C-alpha atoms as a PDB file:
ATOM      1  CA  MET A   1       3.663  42.810 -98.578  1.00  0.00           C
ATOM      2  CA  ASN A   2       6.165  39.960 -98.753  1.00  0.00           C
ATOM      3  CA  ASP A   3       5.285  36.410 -99.712  1.00  0.00           C
ATOM      4  CA  VAL A   4       6.811  35.244 -96.437  1.00  0.00           C
ATOM      5  CA  ASP A   5       8.478  36.735 -93.366  1.00  0.00           C
ATOM      6  CA  ILE A   6      10.983  34.571 -91.503  1.00  0.00           C
ATOM      7  CA  ILE A   7      10.861  35.209 -87.764  1.00  0.00           C
ATOM      8  CA  LEU A   8      14.028  34.482 -85.805  1.00  0.00           C
ATOM      9  CA  PRO A   9      14.174  35.101 -82.035  1.00  0.00           C
ATOM     10  CA  VAL A  10      17.792  36.020 -81.322  1.00  0.00           C
ATOM     11  CA  HIS A  11      19.717  36.228 -78.052  1.00  0.00           C
ATOM     12  CA  ASN A  12      23.532  36.277 -78.044  1.00  0.00           C
ATOM     13  CA  GLU A  13      23.980  34.615 -81.449  1.00  0.00           C
ATOM     14  CA  LYS A  14      26.784  36.820 -82.796  1.00  0.00           C
ATOM     15  CA  ASP A  15      28.966  33.894 -83.834  1.00  0.00           C
ATOM     16  CA  ILE A  16      26.389  32.051 -85.938  1.00  0.00           C
ATOM     17  CA  LEU A  17      23.783  34.557 -87.113  1.00  0.00           C
ATOM     18  CA  LEU A  18      25.600  35.505 -90.323  1.00  0.00           C
ATOM     19  CA  THR A  19      25.869  31.842 -91.341  1.00  0.00           C
ATOM     20  CA  VAL A  20      22.169  31.246 -90.649  1.00  0.00           C
ATOM     21  CA  LEU A  21      21.040  34.256 -92.707  1.00  0.00           C
ATOM     22  CA  ARG A  22      23.425  33.432 -95.544  1.00  0.00           C
ATOM     23  CA  GLU A  23      22.110  29.855 -95.796  1.00  0.00           C
ATOM     24  CA  TRP A  24      18.466  30.894 -95.763  1.00  0.00           C
ATOM     25  CA  ALA A  25      18.945  33.785 -98.177  1.00  0.00           C
ATOM     26  CA  SER A  26      20.636  31.469-100.664  1.00  0.00           C
ATOM     27  CA  VAL A  27      17.666  29.079-100.668  1.00  0.00           C
ATOM     28  CA  LEU A  28      14.985  31.784-100.695  1.00  0.00           C
ATOM     29  CA  ASN A  29      16.596  33.741-103.512  1.00  0.00           C
ATOM     30  CA  LYS A  30      16.637  30.651-105.718  1.00  0.00           C
ATOM     31  CA  MET A  31      12.910  30.174-105.058  1.00  0.00           C
ATOM     32  CA  ASN A  32      12.208  33.642-106.439  1.00  0.00           C
ATOM     33  CA  ILE A  33       9.842  34.721-103.658  1.00  0.00           C
ATOM     34  CA  SER A  34       9.745  37.992-101.745  1.00  0.00           C
ATOM     35  CA  TYR A  35      10.796  37.710 -98.124  1.00  0.00           C
ATOM     36  CA  SER A  36      12.315  39.451 -95.147  1.00  0.00           C
ATOM     37  CA  PHE A  37      13.950  38.333 -91.926  1.00  0.00           C
ATOM     38  CA  VAL A  38      12.137  39.597 -88.851  1.00  0.00           C
ATOM     39  CA  ILE A  39      14.886  39.515 -86.243  1.00  0.00           C
ATOM     40  CA  CYS A  40      13.447  39.608 -82.716  1.00  0.00           C
ATOM     41  CA  GLU A  41      16.608  40.540 -80.863  1.00  0.00           C
ATOM     42  CA  ASP A  42      16.185  39.913 -77.163  1.00  0.00           C
ATOM     43  CA  GLY A  43      18.565  41.942 -75.002  1.00  0.00           C
ATOM     44  CA  SER A  44      21.815  40.472 -76.360  1.00  0.00           C
ATOM     45  CA  THR A  45      25.090  41.419 -74.659  1.00  0.00           C
ATOM     46  CA  ASP A  46      27.653  39.694 -76.903  1.00  0.00           C
ATOM     47  CA  GLY A  47      27.798  42.134 -79.805  1.00  0.00           C
ATOM     48  CA  THR A  48      24.760  40.787 -81.675  1.00  0.00           C
ATOM     49  CA  LYS A  49      23.164  44.249 -81.722  1.00  0.00           C
ATOM     50  CA  LYS A  50      26.115  45.794 -83.564  1.00  0.00           C
ATOM     51  CA  LEU A  51      26.309  42.855 -85.965  1.00  0.00           C
ATOM     52  CA  LEU A  52      22.646  43.265 -86.915  1.00  0.00           C
ATOM     53  CA  LEU A  53      23.250  46.864 -87.984  1.00  0.00           C
ATOM     54  CA  LYS A  54      25.855  45.588 -90.441  1.00  0.00           C
ATOM     55  CA  LEU A  55      23.710  42.693 -91.642  1.00  0.00           C
ATOM     56  CA  GLN A  56      20.858  45.074 -92.478  1.00  0.00           C
ATOM     57  CA  LYS A  57      22.977  46.406 -95.318  1.00  0.00           C
ATOM     58  CA  ALA A  58      23.310  42.963 -96.893  1.00  0.00           C
ATOM     59  CA  TYR A  59      19.961  41.266 -96.166  1.00  0.00           C
ATOM     60  CA  PRO A  60      16.273  42.275 -96.056  1.00  0.00           C
ATOM     61  CA  ILE A  61      15.958  42.591 -92.282  1.00  0.00           C
ATOM     62  CA  HIS A  62      13.300  44.141 -90.062  1.00  0.00           C
ATOM     63  CA  LEU A  63      14.584  44.600 -86.525  1.00  0.00           C
ATOM     64  CA  ASN A  64      12.308  44.095 -83.544  1.00  0.00           C
ATOM     65  CA  GLN A  65      14.504  44.780 -80.554  1.00  0.00           C
ATOM     66  CA  ALA A  66      14.168  44.823 -76.776  1.00  0.00           C
ATOM     67  CA  SER A  67      16.646  46.434 -74.394  1.00  0.00           C
ATOM     68  CA  LEU A  68      15.851  43.883 -71.671  1.00  0.00           C
ATOM     69  CA  ARG A  69      15.267  40.136 -71.930  1.00  0.00           C
ATOM     70  CA  ARG A  70      11.622  39.450 -72.844  1.00  0.00           C
ATOM     71  CA  GLY A  71      11.841  35.680 -73.330  1.00  0.00           C
ATOM     72  CA  TYR A  72      11.406  33.332 -76.284  1.00  0.00           C
ATOM     73  CA  GLY A  73       7.606  33.290 -76.450  1.00  0.00           C
ATOM     74  CA  ARG A  74       7.228  37.060 -76.217  1.00  0.00           C
ATOM     75  CA  ALA A  75       9.898  37.540 -78.879  1.00  0.00           C
ATOM     76  CA  VAL A  76       8.060  35.244 -81.303  1.00  0.00           C
ATOM     77  CA  LEU A  77       4.738  36.987 -80.626  1.00  0.00           C
ATOM     78  CA  ASP A  78       6.296  40.375 -81.241  1.00  0.00           C
ATOM     79  CA  GLY A  79       7.691  39.053 -84.502  1.00  0.00           C
ATOM     80  CA  ILE A  80       4.281  37.816 -85.631  1.00  0.00           C
ATOM     81  CA  ALA A  81       2.694  41.146 -84.742  1.00  0.00           C
ATOM     82  CA  SER A  82       5.291  43.197 -86.641  1.00  0.00           C
ATOM     83  CA  SER A  83       5.551  40.970 -89.726  1.00  0.00           C
ATOM     84  CA  ASN A  84       4.165  42.057 -93.094  1.00  0.00           C
ATOM     85  CA  GLY A  85       4.255  38.751 -94.931  1.00  0.00           C
ATOM     86  CA  THR A  86       1.229  36.877 -96.206  1.00  0.00           C
ATOM     87  CA  TYR A  87       2.873  33.796 -94.728  1.00  0.00           C
ATOM     88  CA  VAL A  88       5.037  33.585 -91.637  1.00  0.00           C
ATOM     89  CA  LEU A  89       7.817  31.054 -91.120  1.00  0.00           C
ATOM     90  CA  CYS A  90       9.150  30.707 -87.582  1.00  0.00           C
ATOM     91  CA  ILE A  91      12.550  29.094 -87.033  1.00  0.00           C
ATOM     92  CA  ASP A  92      15.244  29.177 -84.372  1.00  0.00           C
ATOM     93  CA  SER A  93      18.404  31.185 -84.976  1.00  0.00           C
ATOM     94  CA  ASP A  94      20.873  28.508 -83.821  1.00  0.00           C
ATOM     95  CA  GLY A  95      21.294  26.846 -87.224  1.00  0.00           C
ATOM     96  CA  GLN A  96      19.434  23.634 -86.342  1.00  0.00           C
ATOM     97  CA  CYS A  97      16.708  24.280 -88.948  1.00  0.00           C
ATOM     98  CA  ASP A  98      17.826  23.254 -92.427  1.00  0.00           C
ATOM     99  CA  PRO A  99      16.662  25.764 -95.084  1.00  0.00           C
ATOM    100  CA  ARG A 100      16.624  23.021 -97.741  1.00  0.00           C
ATOM    101  CA  ASP A 101      13.444  21.673 -96.118  1.00  0.00           C
ATOM    102  CA  PHE A 102      11.545  24.879 -96.792  1.00  0.00           C
ATOM    103  CA  HIS A 103      10.861  24.178-100.456  1.00  0.00           C
ATOM    104  CA  THR A 104       8.483  21.315 -99.586  1.00  0.00           C
ATOM    105  CA  PHE A 105       6.726  23.459 -96.981  1.00  0.00           C
ATOM    106  CA  TRP A 106       6.190  26.239 -99.492  1.00  0.00           C
ATOM    107  CA  LYS A 107       4.906  23.894-102.170  1.00  0.00           C
ATOM    108  CA  LEU A 108       2.248  22.548 -99.775  1.00  0.00           C
ATOM    109  CA  ARG A 109       1.347  25.849 -98.112  1.00  0.00           C
ATOM    110  CA  HIS A 110      -2.235  25.797 -99.474  1.00  0.00           C
ATOM    111  CA  LYS A 111      -2.985  22.310 -98.125  1.00  0.00           C
ATOM    112  CA  ASN A 112      -3.238  23.225 -94.437  1.00  0.00           C
ATOM    113  CA  LYS A 113      -3.386  26.406 -92.394  1.00  0.00           C
ATOM    114  CA  VAL A 114      -0.305  25.387 -90.380  1.00  0.00           C
ATOM    115  CA  ILE A 115       2.641  23.217 -91.459  1.00  0.00           C
ATOM    116  CA  ILE A 116       5.178  22.035 -88.890  1.00  0.00           C
ATOM    117  CA  GLY A 117       8.379  20.040 -89.058  1.00  0.00           C
ATOM    118  CA  TRP A 118       8.885  16.559 -87.675  1.00  0.00           C
ATOM    119  CA  ARG A 119      12.454  16.092 -86.455  1.00  0.00           C
ATOM    120  CA  LEU A 120      13.054  12.453 -87.339  1.00  0.00           C
ATOM    121  CA  THR A 121      16.496  12.517 -85.715  1.00  0.00           C
ATOM    122  CA  ARG A 122      16.573  15.181 -83.041  1.00  0.00           C
ATOM    123  CA  MET A 123      19.996  16.715 -82.348  1.00  0.00           C
ATOM    124  CA  ASP A 124      19.375  18.056 -78.837  1.00  0.00           C
ATOM    125  CA  THR A 125      20.708  17.181 -75.399  1.00  0.00           C
ATOM    126  CA  TRP A 126      19.392  14.024 -73.751  1.00  0.00           C
ATOM    127  CA  ILE A 127      17.755  15.976 -70.911  1.00  0.00           C
ATOM    128  CA  ARG A 128      15.828  18.153 -73.331  1.00  0.00           C
ATOM    129  CA  ILE A 129      14.668  15.149 -75.371  1.00  0.00           C
ATOM    130  CA  LEU A 130      13.632  13.285 -72.199  1.00  0.00           C
ATOM    131  CA  TYR A 131      11.538  16.155 -70.869  1.00  0.00           C
ATOM    132  CA  SER A 132      10.036  16.687 -74.308  1.00  0.00           C
ATOM    133  CA  ARG A 133       8.909  13.062 -74.546  1.00  0.00           C
ATOM    134  CA  LEU A 134       7.361  13.178 -71.082  1.00  0.00           C
ATOM    135  CA  PHE A 135       5.645  16.458 -71.888  1.00  0.00           C
ATOM    136  CA  HIS A 136       4.344  14.925 -75.114  1.00  0.00           C
ATOM    137  CA  VAL A 137       2.446  12.309 -73.098  1.00  0.00           C
ATOM    138  CA  LEU A 138       0.629  15.020 -71.133  1.00  0.00           C
ATOM    139  CA  PHE A 139       0.072  17.083 -74.267  1.00  0.00           C
ATOM    140  CA  SER A 140      -1.561  14.143 -76.050  1.00  0.00           C
ATOM    141  CA  LEU A 141      -3.888  13.528 -73.096  1.00  0.00           C
ATOM    142  CA  LEU A 142      -5.030  17.149 -72.991  1.00  0.00           C
ATOM    143  CA  PHE A 143      -5.137  17.718 -76.765  1.00  0.00           C
ATOM    144  CA  PHE A 144      -5.894  14.445 -78.517  1.00  0.00           C
ATOM    145  CA  ASN A 145      -3.755  14.276 -81.660  1.00  0.00           C
ATOM    146  CA  ARG A 146      -1.436  12.072 -83.705  1.00  0.00           C
ATOM    147  CA  LEU A 147       1.356  14.569 -84.181  1.00  0.00           C
ATOM    148  CA  HIS A 148       4.876  13.296 -83.593  1.00  0.00           C
ATOM    149  CA  ASP A 149       6.678  16.568 -82.865  1.00  0.00           C
ATOM    150  CA  PRO A 150       4.363  19.382 -81.719  1.00  0.00           C
ATOM    151  CA  SER A 151       7.211  21.417 -80.192  1.00  0.00           C
ATOM    152  CA  THR A 152       9.255  21.869 -83.361  1.00  0.00           C
ATOM    153  CA  PRO A 153      10.499  25.420 -84.047  1.00  0.00           C
ATOM    154  CA  PHE A 154       9.974  25.058 -87.823  1.00  0.00           C
ATOM    155  CA  VAL A 155       6.451  26.358 -88.443  1.00  0.00           C
ATOM    156  CA  LEU A 156       4.815  27.890 -91.525  1.00  0.00           C
ATOM    157  CA  PHE A 157       1.376  29.494 -91.402  1.00  0.00           C
ATOM    158  CA  GLN A 158      -0.753  32.134 -93.033  1.00  0.00           C
ATOM    159  CA  LYS A 159      -0.717  35.119 -90.716  1.00  0.00           C
ATOM    160  CA  LYS A 160      -4.429  35.882 -90.957  1.00  0.00           C
ATOM    161  CA  SER A 161      -5.255  32.347 -89.808  1.00  0.00           C
ATOM    162  CA  ILE A 162      -3.455  32.802 -86.482  1.00  0.00           C
ATOM    163  CA  LEU A 163      -4.104  36.427 -85.533  1.00  0.00           C
ATOM    164  CA  PRO A 164      -7.577  35.792 -84.054  1.00  0.00           C
ATOM    165  CA  TYR A 165      -5.990  33.428 -81.508  1.00  0.00           C
ATOM    166  CA  VAL A 166      -2.896  35.332 -80.371  1.00  0.00           C
ATOM    167  CA  HIS A 167      -4.320  35.730 -76.870  1.00  0.00           C
ATOM    168  CA  TYR A 168      -4.016  31.980 -76.323  1.00  0.00           C
ATOM    169  CA  LEU A 169      -0.369  31.946 -77.358  1.00  0.00           C
ATOM    170  CA  THR A 170       0.682  33.617 -74.092  1.00  0.00           C
ATOM    171  CA  TYR A 171       0.061  30.657 -71.788  1.00  0.00           C
ATOM    172  CA  LEU A 172       3.412  28.919 -72.369  1.00  0.00           C
ATOM    173  CA  HIS A 173       6.678  30.812 -72.513  1.00  0.00           C
ATOM    174  CA  GLU A 174       9.708  28.566 -73.034  1.00  0.00           C
ATOM    175  CA  GLY A 175       7.369  25.863 -74.369  1.00  0.00           C
ATOM    176  CA  PHE A 176       5.840  28.313 -76.820  1.00  0.00           C
ATOM    177  CA  TRP A 177       5.333  25.834 -79.667  1.00  0.00           C
ATOM    178  CA  TRP A 178       3.489  23.394 -77.440  1.00  0.00           C
ATOM    179  CA  GLY A 179       1.090  26.241 -76.750  1.00  0.00           C
ATOM    180  CA  PHE A 180       0.911  27.236 -80.407  1.00  0.00           C
ATOM    181  CA  ILE A 181      -0.022  23.739 -81.589  1.00  0.00           C
ATOM    182  CA  GLY A 182      -2.300  23.279 -78.575  1.00  0.00           C
ATOM    183  CA  THR A 183      -4.158  26.402 -79.661  1.00  0.00           C
ATOM    184  CA  CYS A 184      -4.466  25.044 -83.200  1.00  0.00           C
ATOM    185  CA  LEU A 185      -5.935  21.795 -81.883  1.00  0.00           C
ATOM    186  CA  LYS A 186      -8.226  23.604 -79.446  1.00  0.00           C
ATOM    187  CA  PHE A 187      -9.781  25.602 -82.274  1.00  0.00           C
ATOM    188  CA  SER A 188      -9.612  22.950 -85.009  1.00  0.00           C
ATOM    189  CA  ILE A 189      -6.985  24.759 -87.082  1.00  0.00           C
ATOM    190  CA  SER A 190      -5.630  22.195 -89.548  1.00  0.00           C
ATOM    191  CA  VAL A 191      -2.018  21.148 -88.987  1.00  0.00           C
ATOM    192  CA  MET A 192       0.206  19.223 -91.410  1.00  0.00           C
ATOM    193  CA  GLU A 193       3.444  17.578 -90.251  1.00  0.00           C
ATOM    194  CA  LEU A 194       6.402  17.092 -92.603  1.00  0.00           C
ATOM    195  CA  PRO A 195       9.707  15.304 -91.908  1.00  0.00           C
ATOM    196  CA  ILE A 196      12.672  17.666 -91.645  1.00  0.00           C
ATOM    197  CA  HIS A 197      16.397  17.432 -91.049  1.00  0.00           C
ATOM    198  CA  HIS A 198      17.499  18.565 -87.607  1.00  0.00           C
ATOM    199  CA  ARG A 199      21.095  19.618 -87.165  1.00  0.00           C
ATOM    200  CA  ALA A 200      23.364  20.212 -84.205  1.00  0.00           C
ATOM    201  CA  ARG A 201      23.800  23.820 -83.130  1.00  0.00           C
ATOM    202  CA  LEU A 202      26.389  25.547 -85.257  1.00  0.00           C
ATOM    203  CA  LYS A 203      28.183  26.834 -82.156  1.00  0.00           C
ATOM    204  CA  GLY A 204      27.674  27.091 -78.418  1.00  0.00           C
ATOM    205  CA  LYS A 205      25.070  25.529 -76.138  1.00  0.00           C
ATOM    206  CA  THR A 206      21.421  26.204 -75.485  1.00  0.00           C
ATOM    207  CA  GLN A 207      20.979  29.055 -73.010  1.00  0.00           C
ATOM    208  CA  ILE A 208      17.522  28.029 -71.787  1.00  0.00           C
ATOM    209  CA  TYR A 209      17.290  24.242 -71.432  1.00  0.00           C
ATOM    210  CA  SER A 210      20.047  23.552 -68.908  1.00  0.00           C
ATOM    211  CA  LEU A 211      19.878  20.618 -66.502  1.00  0.00           C
ATOM    212  CA  LYS A 212      19.529  22.960 -63.526  1.00  0.00           C
ATOM    213  CA  ARG A 213      16.619  24.906 -64.992  1.00  0.00           C
ATOM    214  CA  MET A 214      14.623  22.051 -66.498  1.00  0.00           C
ATOM    215  CA  PRO A 215      12.490  21.026 -63.463  1.00  0.00           C
ATOM    216  CA  SER A 216      11.176  24.538 -62.767  1.00  0.00           C
ATOM    217  CA  LEU A 217      10.771  25.221 -66.468  1.00  0.00           C
ATOM    218  CA  ALA A 218       8.771  22.032 -66.916  1.00  0.00           C
ATOM    219  CA  MET A 219       6.437  22.783 -64.003  1.00  0.00           C
ATOM    220  CA  ARG A 220       5.789  26.314 -65.250  1.00  0.00           C
ATOM    221  CA  ASN A 221       4.856  25.055 -68.694  1.00  0.00           C
ATOM    222  CA  ILE A 222       2.721  22.206 -67.357  1.00  0.00           C
ATOM    223  CA  VAL A 223       0.629  24.799 -65.517  1.00  0.00           C
ATOM    224  CA  GLY A 224       0.444  26.838 -68.714  1.00  0.00           C
ATOM    225  CA  LEU A 225      -0.672  23.819 -70.737  1.00  0.00           C
ATOM    226  CA  PHE A 226      -3.560  23.104 -68.365  1.00  0.00           C
ATOM    227  CA  ALA A 227      -4.516  26.791 -68.386  1.00  0.00           C
ATOM    228  CA  LEU A 228      -4.624  26.768 -72.188  1.00  0.00           C
ATOM    229  CA  ARG A 229      -6.632  23.565 -72.392  1.00  0.00           C
ATOM    230  CA  PHE A 230      -9.383  24.869 -70.128  1.00  0.00           C
ATOM    231  CA  ALA A 231      -9.258  28.529 -71.119  1.00  0.00           C
ATOM    232  CA  LYS A 232     -12.547  30.124 -72.057  1.00  0.00           C
ATOM    233  CA  LYS A 233     -13.095  31.277 -75.603  1.00  0.00           C
ATOM    234  CA  TYR A 234     -12.639  34.997 -76.066  1.00  0.00           C
ATOM    235  CA  ALA A 235     -14.471  37.082 -78.620  1.00  0.00           C
ATOM    236  CA  PHE A 236     -12.173  38.133 -81.443  1.00  0.00           C
ATOM    237  CA  ASN A 237     -11.712  41.886 -81.818  1.00  0.00           C
ATOM    238  CA  LYS A 238      -9.756  42.721 -84.956  1.00  0.00           C
ATOM    239  CA  ASN A 239      -8.831  46.123 -83.494  1.00  0.00           C
ATOM    240  CA  ASN A 240      -6.888  44.463 -80.662  1.00  0.00           C
ATOM    241  CA  ILE A 241      -4.834  41.862 -82.523  1.00  0.00           C
ATOM    242  CA  PHE A 242      -1.577  43.794 -82.232  1.00  0.00           C
ATOM    243  CA  ARG A 243      -1.877  44.645 -78.545  1.00  0.00           C
ATOM    244  CA  ILE A 244      -0.169  41.366 -77.805  1.00  0.00           C
ATOM    245  CA  ALA A 245       3.127  42.936 -78.885  1.00  0.00           C
ATOM    246  CA  ALA A 246       5.325  44.270 -76.096  1.00  0.00           C
ATOM    247  CA  GLN A 247       5.587  48.030 -75.713  1.00  0.00           C
ATOM    248  CA  GLY A 248       8.707  49.917 -76.651  1.00  0.00           C
ATOM    249  CA  ASN A 249      10.032  47.677 -79.434  1.00  0.00           C
ATOM    250  CA  THR A 250      11.605  49.234 -82.514  1.00  0.00           C
ATOM    251  CA  ARG A 251      11.210  48.115 -86.107  1.00  0.00           C
ATOM    252  CA  SER A 252      13.461  49.330 -88.909  1.00  0.00           C
END
């Protein structure tokens, strides 16, 4: 069992994935902890699949692949289900998460069950930031909290603390981290927020949060947020915790 597994949902990131893994491996190796990258590859068509086969020879990688697009939220859930680490760190694979911030997270890992990043200066498009701020207003009304950045994709948690609640993590898809933190607040799971550096994408543009798609995406996740807030509590069955993972994925 590793100290930590780093989950990266990946879709068409051939041009930047090597740089991301190299940066993170450099930091993690200096910290002298055991780790692996859980790469949740999501139906890429740009050569990412072939690149990952080469990267497996250089880095500790577990592949969790899907032949068809499963979406961001499902990819993250599959990564959580297939991870072997005591702790799980979830980050995006676009290079916006700075690995130098991880040392502080790791040092404080025993203080709270979940530690998330707070992007003091957010390097995203204006339309994404605008929708996020509006969504934050609704989120705060439904889940009273003082968090500044509940949608950050820089999240560290102990796996056993989250597994009993994986059912609730399916309500929001593109807005997965809103649903994740909403679940934590719903069930009084302690959350710590730490300032982090947020960088511009290394290359390319976001493939999800385009101007054309934002209205429908926002409405879908608003419905999901209400569904999560008023969802009934389900009895936890430890024999079913991995059924959340999609069928047909491979891990190597």
